[in-house]
Amino acid sequence: MGSIYKRGNKYWIKYYRRGRAFRESSGSDKKMVATNFLKLREGEIAQGKMPSVSFEKVTFDELAQDFLQHYRITGRKSLDRAERSVNHLNKYFEGVRAPYITTPQINTYIEIRQDVAANGTINRELSALKTMFNLGRKQTPPKVSHVPYISMLKENNIRRGFFEHGHFLALRKALPEYLKGFVTFAYKTGWRVSEITGLTWARVDRGKKTVRLEAGETKNDEGRILHLDDELLQIIECQWNTRKEKGVLAPYIFPNRRGTGRIRDFRYVWKKACINANIGNRIFHDFRRTAIRNMIRAGVPESVAMKISGHKTRSVFDRYNIVDEKDLKDATQMLEVYIEKQNKQI
């Protein structure tokens, strides 16, 4: 049974859950208020709920740790992105107790981030925050009593960035040596950055001139085989020889600058190379769109191009197969030639 006692001019309550004592101030100098407060807590315990005072002790930091642990345990491929989201959220919510992370506070965070980040990036961070609370609520015992309302931002999903061949060559020239083969592979295959950075020598058959990804190593969980052209085969051989010369037997085909592990964050180097190449603001994902468009222009059947790039659905593939002004101009010229041929036949 619980009890009520006075400390100073305020009434406090004491109650037990599983043999553990909890003490809380009623915030009032009226005994009736304290009595009702004690009944509320005992009612929560009778229903199998954690007393709300326990939720008060949980901070953003604890929820974030549980969130990243969940990603590691479940083998999520987007762990790197989750860690980046947590780092940004941490700058604003570090040390804040979970019950005080409210919708108004989250909206303030959104306003601050909108000065420096795109809506898509902010949405990934908000999604991470929402997942933290959902995981906290599902814990046994639960760590949060509710999930705050989080309004997602409108995103512009129309993707238009791509590389003309001259732009690609200029960028590759401006990049450090360890990234040159890396970007060439992306330019020709359209593979995702995580698929290329995680590519290991165990996935290469130099005799058959193929590179493969096993089921579960791709975003759509389907395996993939790539037949290497002469340039890509030469890059693979060069990477193999460099690995032997350095004597650092890292498992990755495209290792970091030191050759000791996986390529992680190359955003600074990338941005600097884009400036030096005078090609404007580009992102690595532009290679994916470029490779798809180049394959279609080269006459590769769309079904084959989808197999190479790893697109599972037609709708997403069509969104990447961008038509620009040059395509429209070429189409006009092709139509003109066709009509001229028809005229000659009359």
Protein backbone atom coordinates (compact mmCIF):
# COMPACT_ATOMS: atom_id res chain seq x y z
CA MET A 1 0.00 0.00 0.00
CA GLY A 2 1.11 3.55 -0.63
CA SER A 3 1.37 6.39 1.82
CA ILE A 4 1.15 10.17 1.98
CA TYR A 5 3.53 12.41 3.89
CA LYS A 6 4.45 16.05 4.06
CA ARG A 7 7.80 17.56 3.12
CA GLY A 8 7.93 21.27 3.76
CA ASN A 9 4.54 22.64 2.80
CA LYS A 10 3.92 20.08 0.02
CA TYR A 11 2.40 16.63 0.22
CA TRP A 12 4.38 13.72 -1.23
CA ILE A 13 3.27 10.19 -2.09
CA LYS A 14 5.07 6.89 -1.76
CA TYR A 15 4.03 3.71 -3.59
CA TYR A 16 5.54 0.38 -4.64
CA ARG A 17 5.88 -1.55 -7.88
CA ARG A 18 7.47 -5.01 -7.81
CA GLY A 19 9.01 -4.26 -4.45
CA ARG A 20 10.59 -1.00 -5.60
CA ALA A 21 9.61 2.22 -3.82
CA PHE A 22 8.70 5.33 -5.79
CA ARG A 23 8.35 8.82 -4.33
CA GLU A 24 6.77 11.82 -6.01
CA SER A 25 5.68 15.27 -5.01
CA SER A 26 1.99 16.01 -5.51
CA GLY A 27 2.91 19.64 -6.06
CA SER A 28 0.13 20.65 -3.70
CA ASP A 29 -0.33 21.57 -0.05
CA LYS A 30 -3.76 19.90 -0.04
CA LYS A 31 -3.94 16.33 1.22
CA MET A 32 -6.92 15.50 -1.03
CA VAL A 33 -4.84 16.30 -4.13
CA ALA A 34 -2.09 13.99 -2.90
CA THR A 35 -4.65 11.26 -2.14
CA ASN A 36 -6.04 11.40 -5.68
CA PHE A 37 -2.53 11.45 -7.10
CA LEU A 38 -1.64 8.31 -5.15
CA LYS A 39 -4.80 6.58 -6.42
CA LEU A 40 -3.79 7.49 -10.00
CA ARG A 41 -0.36 5.91 -9.61
CA GLU A 42 -1.73 2.79 -7.93
CA GLY A 43 -4.31 2.49 -10.71
CA GLU A 44 -1.54 2.60 -13.34
CA ILE A 45 0.35 -0.14 -11.53
CA ALA A 46 -2.80 -2.27 -11.19
CA GLN A 47 -3.23 -2.09 -14.97
CA GLY A 48 0.32 -3.33 -15.48
CA LYS A 49 1.61 0.07 -16.57
CA MET A 50 4.86 1.63 -15.53
CA PRO A 51 4.31 4.58 -13.19
CA SER A 52 4.74 7.80 -15.18
CA VAL A 53 7.66 8.87 -13.02
CA SER A 54 9.72 6.16 -14.78
CA PHE A 55 9.09 7.79 -18.15
CA GLU A 56 10.44 11.06 -16.77
CA LYS A 57 13.89 9.53 -16.38
CA VAL A 58 14.25 8.39 -20.00
CA THR A 59 16.22 10.79 -22.22
CA PHE A 60 16.65 11.21 -25.96
CA ASP A 61 20.14 9.75 -25.61
CA GLU A 62 18.78 6.44 -24.31
CA LEU A 63 16.16 6.22 -27.06
CA ALA A 64 18.81 6.98 -29.69
CA GLN A 65 21.10 4.24 -28.37
CA ASP A 66 18.24 1.72 -28.48
CA PHE A 67 17.39 2.85 -32.02
CA LEU A 68 20.93 2.30 -33.34
CA GLN A 69 21.21 -1.00 -31.47
CA HIS A 70 17.99 -2.13 -33.19
CA TYR A 71 19.51 -1.25 -36.58
CA ARG A 72 22.68 -3.22 -35.80
CA ILE A 73 20.83 -6.27 -34.48
CA THR A 74 18.45 -6.42 -37.45
CA GLY A 75 21.25 -5.86 -39.97
CA ARG A 76 19.71 -2.76 -41.55
CA LYS A 77 21.56 -1.62 -44.68
CA SER A 78 20.86 2.04 -43.86
CA LEU A 79 22.79 2.05 -40.56
CA ASP A 80 25.14 4.78 -41.82
CA ARG A 81 22.22 7.04 -42.68
CA ALA A 82 20.58 6.29 -39.31
CA GLU A 83 23.77 7.31 -37.53
CA ARG A 84 23.90 10.59 -39.48
CA SER A 85 20.27 11.30 -38.56
CA VAL A 86 20.98 10.65 -34.89
CA ASN A 87 24.00 12.96 -34.99
CA HIS A 88 21.87 15.84 -36.30
CA LEU A 89 19.03 15.17 -33.84
CA ASN A 90 21.53 14.93 -31.01
CA LYS A 91 22.66 18.54 -31.54
CA TYR A 92 19.20 19.72 -30.51
CA PHE A 93 17.74 17.00 -28.28
CA GLU A 94 20.81 15.75 -26.39
CA GLY A 95 19.96 15.25 -22.71
CA VAL A 96 16.29 16.17 -23.18
CA ARG A 97 13.90 13.92 -21.28
CA ALA A 98 11.54 12.01 -23.57
CA PRO A 99 8.25 13.48 -22.20
CA TYR A 100 9.51 16.95 -23.05
CA ILE A 101 10.18 16.16 -26.69
CA THR A 102 6.86 17.58 -27.83
CA THR A 103 5.41 18.60 -31.19
CA PRO A 104 6.26 22.31 -30.68
CA GLN A 105 9.87 21.39 -29.86
CA ILE A 106 10.07 19.16 -32.93
CA ASN A 107 8.65 21.94 -35.12
CA THR A 108 11.34 24.29 -33.82
CA TYR A 109 13.95 21.69 -34.77
CA ILE A 110 12.45 21.51 -38.27
CA GLU A 111 12.68 25.30 -38.69
CA ILE A 112 16.33 25.29 -37.64
CA ARG A 113 17.22 22.42 -39.99
CA GLN A 114 15.40 23.95 -42.96
CA ASP A 115 18.04 26.68 -43.06
CA VAL A 116 20.74 24.15 -43.95
CA ALA A 117 19.10 20.90 -45.12
CA ALA A 118 16.62 19.73 -47.76
CA ASN A 119 13.16 18.49 -46.79
CA GLY A 120 14.06 14.94 -47.75
CA THR A 121 17.02 14.93 -45.37
CA ILE A 122 14.93 16.39 -42.55
CA ASN A 123 12.22 13.78 -43.14
CA ARG A 124 14.78 11.00 -42.72
CA GLU A 125 15.72 12.54 -39.36
CA LEU A 126 12.08 12.93 -38.29
CA SER A 127 11.42 9.33 -39.31
CA ALA A 128 14.35 8.24 -37.11
CA LEU A 129 12.94 10.22 -34.18
CA LYS A 130 9.50 8.67 -34.64
CA THR A 131 11.03 5.18 -34.79
CA MET A 132 12.91 5.87 -31.54
CA PHE A 133 9.65 6.59 -29.75
CA ASN A 134 7.83 3.64 -31.31
CA LEU A 135 10.62 1.30 -30.20
CA GLY A 136 10.56 2.86 -26.74
CA ARG A 137 6.82 2.29 -26.44
CA LYS A 138 7.17 -1.37 -27.50
CA GLN A 139 9.88 -2.11 -24.90
CA THR A 140 9.14 -4.40 -21.97
CA PRO A 141 8.69 -2.49 -19.78
CA PRO A 142 7.90 0.53 -22.02
CA LYS A 143 10.24 3.51 -21.86
CA VAL A 144 7.78 6.09 -23.21
CA SER A 145 4.06 6.47 -22.70
CA HIS A 146 3.26 8.00 -26.06
CA VAL A 147 4.69 8.99 -29.44
CA PRO A 148 4.60 12.74 -30.17
CA TYR A 149 2.84 13.88 -33.33
CA ILE A 150 5.45 14.55 -36.02
CA SER A 151 4.42 16.28 -39.24
CA MET A 152 6.48 15.20 -42.23
CA LEU A 153 7.54 17.72 -44.86
CA LYS A 154 6.57 17.73 -48.50
CA GLU A 155 9.32 16.37 -50.73
CA ASN A 156 9.97 16.97 -54.38
CA ASN A 157 10.57 13.46 -55.74
CA ILE A 158 11.32 14.61 -59.28
CA ARG A 159 14.96 13.72 -59.80
CA ARG A 160 16.72 15.51 -62.63
CA GLY A 161 20.45 15.37 -61.92
CA PHE A 162 22.71 13.54 -64.34
CA PHE A 163 26.20 13.75 -65.83
CA GLU A 164 27.06 14.51 -69.40
CA HIS A 165 30.17 12.54 -70.34
CA GLY A 166 32.43 15.61 -70.29
CA HIS A 167 31.24 16.52 -66.81
CA PHE A 168 32.00 13.02 -65.57
CA LEU A 169 35.53 13.12 -67.01
CA ALA A 170 36.15 16.52 -65.41
CA LEU A 171 34.96 15.29 -62.03
CA ARG A 172 36.98 12.07 -62.17
CA LYS A 173 40.11 14.06 -62.98
CA ALA A 174 39.52 16.32 -59.96
CA LEU A 175 39.00 13.44 -57.51
CA PRO A 176 41.82 11.78 -55.57
CA GLU A 177 43.24 8.57 -57.01
CA TYR A 178 41.44 6.19 -54.65
CA LEU A 179 38.03 7.45 -55.88
CA LYS A 180 38.66 7.44 -59.65
CA GLY A 181 37.84 3.76 -60.23
CA PHE A 182 35.05 4.00 -57.69
CA VAL A 183 33.17 6.73 -59.60
CA THR A 184 33.83 5.07 -62.97
CA PHE A 185 32.16 1.91 -61.69
CA ALA A 186 29.17 3.99 -60.55
CA TYR A 187 28.99 5.92 -63.84
CA LYS A 188 28.83 2.74 -65.90
CA THR A 189 26.68 0.48 -63.71
CA GLY A 190 24.27 2.76 -61.88
CA TRP A 191 24.76 0.77 -58.68
CA ARG A 192 23.91 2.39 -55.37
CA VAL A 193 26.74 3.89 -53.34
CA SER A 194 26.30 1.35 -50.51
CA GLU A 195 26.46 -1.53 -53.00
CA ILE A 196 29.77 -0.29 -54.41
CA THR A 197 31.42 0.67 -51.10
CA GLY A 198 30.46 -2.75 -49.70
CA LEU A 199 31.70 -4.71 -52.73
CA THR A 200 34.31 -7.27 -51.68
CA TRP A 201 36.81 -9.41 -53.56
CA ALA A 202 34.77 -12.47 -52.66
CA ARG A 203 32.18 -11.20 -55.13
CA VAL A 204 34.61 -10.97 -58.09
CA ASP A 205 35.37 -13.70 -60.60
CA ARG A 206 38.28 -12.28 -62.57
CA GLY A 207 38.38 -15.33 -64.85
CA LYS A 208 34.75 -14.99 -65.90
CA LYS A 209 34.99 -11.18 -65.79
CA THR A 210 31.99 -10.84 -63.52
CA VAL A 211 31.04 -9.15 -60.26
CA ARG A 212 28.01 -10.30 -58.33
CA LEU A 213 25.86 -9.21 -55.42
CA GLU A 214 24.15 -11.93 -53.44
CA ALA A 215 20.49 -11.84 -52.43
CA GLY A 216 20.19 -9.76 -49.28
CA GLU A 217 23.11 -7.48 -50.17
CA THR A 218 20.98 -5.15 -52.29
CA LYS A 219 18.18 -2.75 -51.45
CA ASN A 220 15.58 -4.94 -53.15
CA ASP A 221 17.12 -8.12 -51.68
CA GLU A 222 17.65 -9.66 -55.13
CA GLY A 223 21.00 -10.95 -56.37
CA ARG A 224 22.71 -9.37 -59.36
CA ILE A 225 25.51 -10.27 -61.78
CA LEU A 226 27.51 -7.70 -63.74
CA HIS A 227 29.65 -8.62 -66.74
CA LEU A 228 32.66 -6.31 -66.83
CA ASP A 229 33.59 -4.39 -69.97
CA ASP A 230 37.26 -3.78 -70.80
CA GLU A 231 37.51 -0.52 -68.82
CA LEU A 232 35.88 -1.93 -65.69
CA LEU A 233 37.98 -5.09 -65.92
CA GLN A 234 41.11 -2.93 -66.13
CA ILE A 235 39.98 -1.01 -63.04
CA ILE A 236 39.42 -4.25 -61.12
CA GLU A 237 42.89 -5.51 -62.09
CA CYS A 238 44.41 -2.16 -61.08
CA GLN A 239 42.68 -2.29 -57.69
CA TRP A 240 43.94 -5.86 -57.20
CA ASN A 241 47.53 -4.92 -58.03
CA THR A 242 47.43 -1.85 -55.78
CA ARG A 243 46.19 -4.01 -52.94
CA LYS A 244 49.10 -6.42 -53.40
CA GLU A 245 51.66 -3.62 -53.67
CA LYS A 246 50.51 -1.93 -50.46
CA GLY A 247 50.36 -5.26 -48.64
CA VAL A 248 47.12 -4.20 -46.96
CA LEU A 249 44.67 -7.03 -47.53
CA ALA A 250 41.40 -5.16 -47.02
CA PRO A 251 38.42 -7.14 -48.35
CA TYR A 252 36.94 -4.21 -50.26
CA ILE A 253 37.50 -3.65 -53.97
CA PHE A 254 37.30 0.11 -53.50
CA PRO A 255 38.83 0.78 -50.06
CA ASN A 256 39.35 4.12 -48.33
CA ARG A 257 42.31 6.42 -48.93
CA ARG A 258 44.56 4.38 -46.62
CA GLY A 259 43.42 1.10 -48.14
CA THR A 260 42.52 -0.25 -44.70
CA GLY A 261 38.74 -0.45 -44.82
CA ARG A 262 35.49 0.61 -46.39
CA ILE A 263 34.91 4.05 -47.92
CA ARG A 264 32.73 5.97 -45.48
CA ASP A 265 32.18 9.71 -45.77
CA PHE A 266 33.68 11.36 -48.86
CA ARG A 267 31.30 14.33 -49.06
CA TYR A 268 33.99 16.96 -48.46
CA VAL A 269 36.28 15.50 -51.14
CA TRP A 270 33.33 15.20 -53.52
CA LYS A 271 32.19 18.79 -53.01
CA LYS A 272 35.71 20.12 -53.52
CA ALA A 273 36.10 18.09 -56.75
CA CYS A 274 32.77 19.41 -58.09
CA ILE A 275 33.97 22.97 -57.51
CA ASN A 276 37.36 22.33 -59.13
CA ALA A 277 35.68 20.61 -62.09
CA ASN A 278 33.28 23.55 -62.44
CA ILE A 279 30.24 21.29 -62.82
CA GLY A 280 27.97 22.80 -60.19
CA ASN A 281 26.28 21.04 -57.30
CA ARG A 282 26.10 17.31 -58.03
CA ILE A 283 25.36 14.30 -55.86
CA PHE A 284 26.66 10.76 -56.15
CA HIS A 285 23.17 9.45 -56.91
CA ASP A 286 23.30 11.34 -60.22
CA PHE A 287 25.49 8.49 -61.49
CA ARG A 288 22.56 6.11 -61.05
CA ARG A 289 20.28 8.24 -63.22
CA THR A 290 23.08 8.82 -65.74
CA ALA A 291 23.89 5.12 -66.14
CA ILE A 292 20.25 4.26 -66.78
CA ARG A 293 19.84 6.98 -69.38
CA ASN A 294 23.10 6.04 -71.10
CA MET A 295 22.06 2.38 -71.32
CA ILE A 296 18.70 3.29 -72.87
CA ARG A 297 20.35 5.67 -75.34
CA ALA A 298 22.84 2.95 -76.25
CA GLY A 299 19.95 0.64 -77.15
CA VAL A 300 20.09 -1.65 -74.11
CA PRO A 301 16.59 -3.16 -73.59
CA GLU A 302 14.87 -1.61 -70.58
CA SER A 303 14.40 -4.98 -68.88
CA VAL A 304 18.15 -5.61 -69.10
CA ALA A 305 18.98 -2.09 -67.89
CA MET A 306 16.74 -2.68 -64.88
CA LYS A 307 18.60 -5.91 -64.11
CA ILE A 308 21.98 -4.13 -64.27
CA SER A 309 20.96 -1.14 -62.14
CA GLY A 310 18.92 -3.21 -59.69
CA HIS A 311 15.54 -1.57 -60.24
CA LYS A 312 12.67 -3.80 -59.24
CA THR A 313 9.67 -1.69 -60.23
CA ARG A 314 8.84 -0.01 -63.53
CA SER A 315 7.57 3.19 -61.86
CA VAL A 316 10.88 3.92 -60.14
CA PHE A 317 12.88 3.01 -63.23
CA ASP A 318 10.81 5.36 -65.40
CA ARG A 319 11.41 8.16 -62.90
CA TYR A 320 15.16 7.70 -63.30
CA ASN A 321 15.04 7.39 -67.10
CA ILE A 322 14.98 11.17 -67.46
CA VAL A 323 14.13 12.93 -70.69
CA ASP A 324 15.83 16.31 -71.11
CA GLU A 325 15.82 19.04 -73.75
CA LYS A 326 18.49 17.27 -75.82
CA ASP A 327 16.36 14.13 -75.96
CA LEU A 328 13.43 16.17 -77.22
CA LYS A 329 15.59 17.91 -79.82
CA ASP A 330 16.97 14.56 -81.01
CA ALA A 331 13.44 13.20 -81.26
CA THR A 332 12.43 16.14 -83.49
CA GLN A 333 15.39 15.54 -85.79
CA MET A 334 14.65 11.81 -85.97
CA LEU A 335 11.05 12.53 -86.88
CA GLU A 336 12.17 14.98 -89.57
CA VAL A 337 14.48 12.38 -91.12
CA TYR A 338 11.69 9.80 -91.03
CA ILE A 339 9.21 12.11 -92.78
CA GLU A 340 11.78 13.00 -95.42
CA LYS A 341 12.24 9.29 -96.16
CA GLN A 342 8.47 8.96 -96.51
CA ASN A 343 8.36 11.87 -98.94
CA LYS A 344 11.02 10.29 -101.11
CA GLN A 345 8.96 7.14 -101.40
CA ILE A 346 5.98 8.98 -102.89
